[in-house]
Amino acid sequence: MIFGGDTELRDQEEEKLEAFRDYCKTNGITLPEGYDDENRFVLRVLQGKKWNHEVTKNEIMSHFEWKKAAYPLKYDPIKNILASGVIYGYKRDIKFRPVVIVNCQKILQMEVS
């Protein structure tokens, strides 16, 4: 639950997250976009790597490289559409398949460019 952004973090989790951010800042490490946001991916990796900053950094960078190779999608062309709420993912069904919602009303209201 803490990784979804709906639950407040405990003081220890906040401290660990801030310590990792300080580590990155001190060492000139820039995390890829989307890793240190409300989804708390950094916290998930930190916890999984037993709060080891170097291992966490390596895992995040490795994941980013894998994601670029595995999913060569271009986000910029559809960024505005996704931000407008026309289409979005909503949880998973009982067989753990992603549920995607398409708001047809918003599609009809969109300006054609």
Protein backbone atom coordinates (compact mmCIF):
# COMPACT_ATOMS: atom_id res chain seq x y z
CA MET A 1 0.00 0.00 0.00
CA ILE A 2 2.80 2.47 0.74
CA PHE A 3 4.07 2.27 -2.83
CA GLY A 4 0.83 3.48 -4.40
CA GLY A 5 1.06 6.96 -2.94
CA ASP A 6 -2.26 6.73 -1.05
CA THR A 7 -0.67 5.94 2.31
CA GLU A 8 1.46 8.34 4.32
CA LEU A 9 5.00 7.17 4.86
CA ARG A 10 6.36 6.52 8.32
CA ASP A 11 9.17 8.70 9.63
CA GLN A 12 11.72 5.93 9.04
CA GLU A 13 10.64 5.54 5.40
CA GLU A 14 10.80 9.31 4.84
CA GLU A 15 14.28 9.41 6.40
CA LYS A 16 15.54 6.54 4.24
CA LEU A 17 14.13 8.16 1.12
CA GLU A 18 15.70 11.53 1.97
CA ALA A 19 19.04 9.85 2.74
CA PHE A 20 19.01 8.25 -0.71
CA ARG A 21 18.15 11.57 -2.36
CA ASP A 22 21.05 13.18 -0.48
CA TYR A 23 23.33 10.35 -1.63
CA CYS A 24 22.31 10.97 -5.24
CA LYS A 25 22.79 14.73 -4.92
CA THR A 26 26.21 14.34 -3.26
CA ASN A 27 27.41 11.92 -5.94
CA GLY A 28 25.94 13.83 -8.90
CA ILE A 29 23.47 11.07 -9.74
CA THR A 30 20.37 12.04 -11.68
CA LEU A 31 17.59 9.48 -11.57
CA PRO A 32 15.56 8.96 -14.75
CA GLU A 33 12.20 10.70 -14.96
CA GLY A 34 9.37 8.80 -13.31
CA TYR A 35 11.44 6.92 -10.74
CA ASP A 36 11.25 9.33 -7.80
CA ASP A 37 7.63 10.44 -7.87
CA GLU A 38 4.33 9.63 -6.21
CA ASN A 39 4.60 5.99 -7.30
CA ARG A 40 7.52 5.61 -4.88
CA PHE A 41 9.50 3.27 -7.11
CA VAL A 42 12.72 4.42 -5.43
CA LEU A 43 11.37 3.47 -2.01
CA ARG A 44 10.36 0.05 -3.30
CA VAL A 45 13.86 -0.62 -4.65
CA LEU A 46 15.52 0.83 -1.54
CA GLN A 47 13.53 -1.46 0.70
CA GLY A 48 14.19 -4.47 -1.54
CA LYS A 49 17.94 -3.77 -1.56
CA LYS A 50 18.02 -3.42 2.23
CA TRP A 51 18.57 0.37 2.11
CA ASN A 52 21.94 0.06 0.30
CA HIS A 53 22.28 3.23 -1.76
CA GLU A 54 24.87 2.01 -4.26
CA VAL A 55 22.98 -1.22 -5.01
CA THR A 56 19.71 0.72 -5.27
CA LYS A 57 21.21 3.20 -7.74
CA ASN A 58 22.62 0.37 -9.86
CA GLU A 59 19.27 -1.45 -9.85
CA ILE A 60 17.34 1.67 -10.89
CA MET A 61 19.75 2.44 -13.73
CA SER A 62 19.68 -1.19 -14.84
CA HIS A 63 15.86 -1.16 -14.79
CA PHE A 64 15.81 2.07 -16.81
CA GLU A 65 18.09 0.58 -19.49
CA TRP A 66 15.99 -2.60 -19.62
CA LYS A 67 12.79 -0.58 -19.90
CA LYS A 68 14.20 1.49 -22.79
CA ALA A 69 15.13 -1.69 -24.68
CA ALA A 70 11.97 -3.64 -23.84
CA TYR A 71 9.47 -0.84 -24.37
CA PRO A 72 10.73 1.50 -27.08
CA LEU A 73 7.55 3.58 -26.97
CA LYS A 74 7.71 7.33 -27.45
CA TYR A 75 5.88 9.09 -24.63
CA ASP A 76 5.97 12.67 -25.96
CA PRO A 77 3.41 12.24 -28.80
CA ILE A 78 0.74 10.92 -26.44
CA LYS A 79 1.71 12.79 -23.28
CA ASN A 80 -1.16 15.29 -23.53
CA ILE A 81 -3.72 12.58 -24.28
CA LEU A 82 -2.67 10.55 -21.24
CA ALA A 83 -2.60 13.66 -19.03
CA SER A 84 -6.14 14.57 -20.11
CA GLY A 85 -7.54 11.30 -18.76
CA VAL A 86 -8.77 9.93 -22.08
CA ILE A 87 -7.15 6.58 -21.36
CA TYR A 88 -5.68 5.26 -18.15
CA GLY A 89 -4.93 2.05 -16.34
CA TYR A 90 -7.12 1.03 -13.43
CA LYS A 91 -5.93 -1.75 -11.15
CA ARG A 92 -6.03 -5.39 -12.31
CA ASP A 93 -8.79 -7.96 -12.70
CA ILE A 94 -8.98 -11.22 -10.72
CA LYS A 95 -6.55 -12.87 -13.13
CA PHE A 96 -4.09 -9.96 -12.65
CA ARG A 97 -4.61 -8.58 -16.16
CA PRO A 98 -4.43 -4.78 -16.40
CA VAL A 99 -7.75 -2.99 -16.77
CA VAL A 100 -7.58 -0.04 -19.17
CA ILE A 101 -10.30 2.61 -19.12
CA VAL A 102 -11.07 4.63 -22.25
CA ASN A 103 -13.26 7.68 -21.69
CA CYS A 104 -15.11 8.00 -25.02
CA GLN A 105 -16.83 11.19 -23.92
CA LYS A 106 -13.46 12.92 -23.58
CA ILE A 107 -12.40 11.62 -26.99
CA LEU A 108 -15.48 13.16 -28.58
CA GLN A 109 -14.79 16.47 -26.84
CA MET A 110 -11.13 16.66 -27.90
CA GLU A 111 -10.02 19.12 -30.53
CA VAL A 112 -8.62 17.61 -33.68
CA SER A 113 -5.16 18.98 -34.45
